[in-house]
Amino acid sequence: MNCVQTNSPEETYELGKSLAEKLKAGDVLLLSGDLGAGKTAFTKGVAWGLGIKDYVKSPTFTYVLEYNGKMPLFHFDLYRLQVAEEIYDLGFEDYLLTGGIIVLEWGERAEDILKQDGIEYIFITINKLGENLREVCFKCTEKGRTIAKELL
């Protein structure tokens, strides 16, 4: 697992922005971390890196928000899902076919089903080490290893 520390929400945002520059159409990011760890700050950076100027917020009550930029961004919040299969009820397969970037907050809730269905993803865990200190770790499939090497 490749990890990097960030010392502020701005650094977490910048890491997301840097990652966005390396993403390709169809990439799926699974974000994991406690409440307040920085998943949405990271996603805001990804959005900015994709040229999205809209205000990005966590889609907790809508499950998914769509943003347009160089590539579309589909931002899911899986916190309230009862079972992983519900991700498909949210139109996940349709979003995969659009050629955009998919970010799944609380992504650990869908990891097993994505593995089972052969869907490649980059798993990112954000650990809160202090008030502003974060450890951002990339659990890498082959795709993730390549991107993590470039990023870190």
Foldseek 3Di string as FASTA:
>chain_A
DDKDKDQALVRLLCLLLLLLLVDWFLAEEEEEEDVPLNLQSSVNSNCVNQVFPDDGDQCVPVQWDWTDGVFIEIEGECVPPPALVCCVVVVVVVSSVRRHYYYYYVRVRNVVVCVVVVHDHWYWYWYDPDPGMIMIDIDDDPVRVVSSVVSD
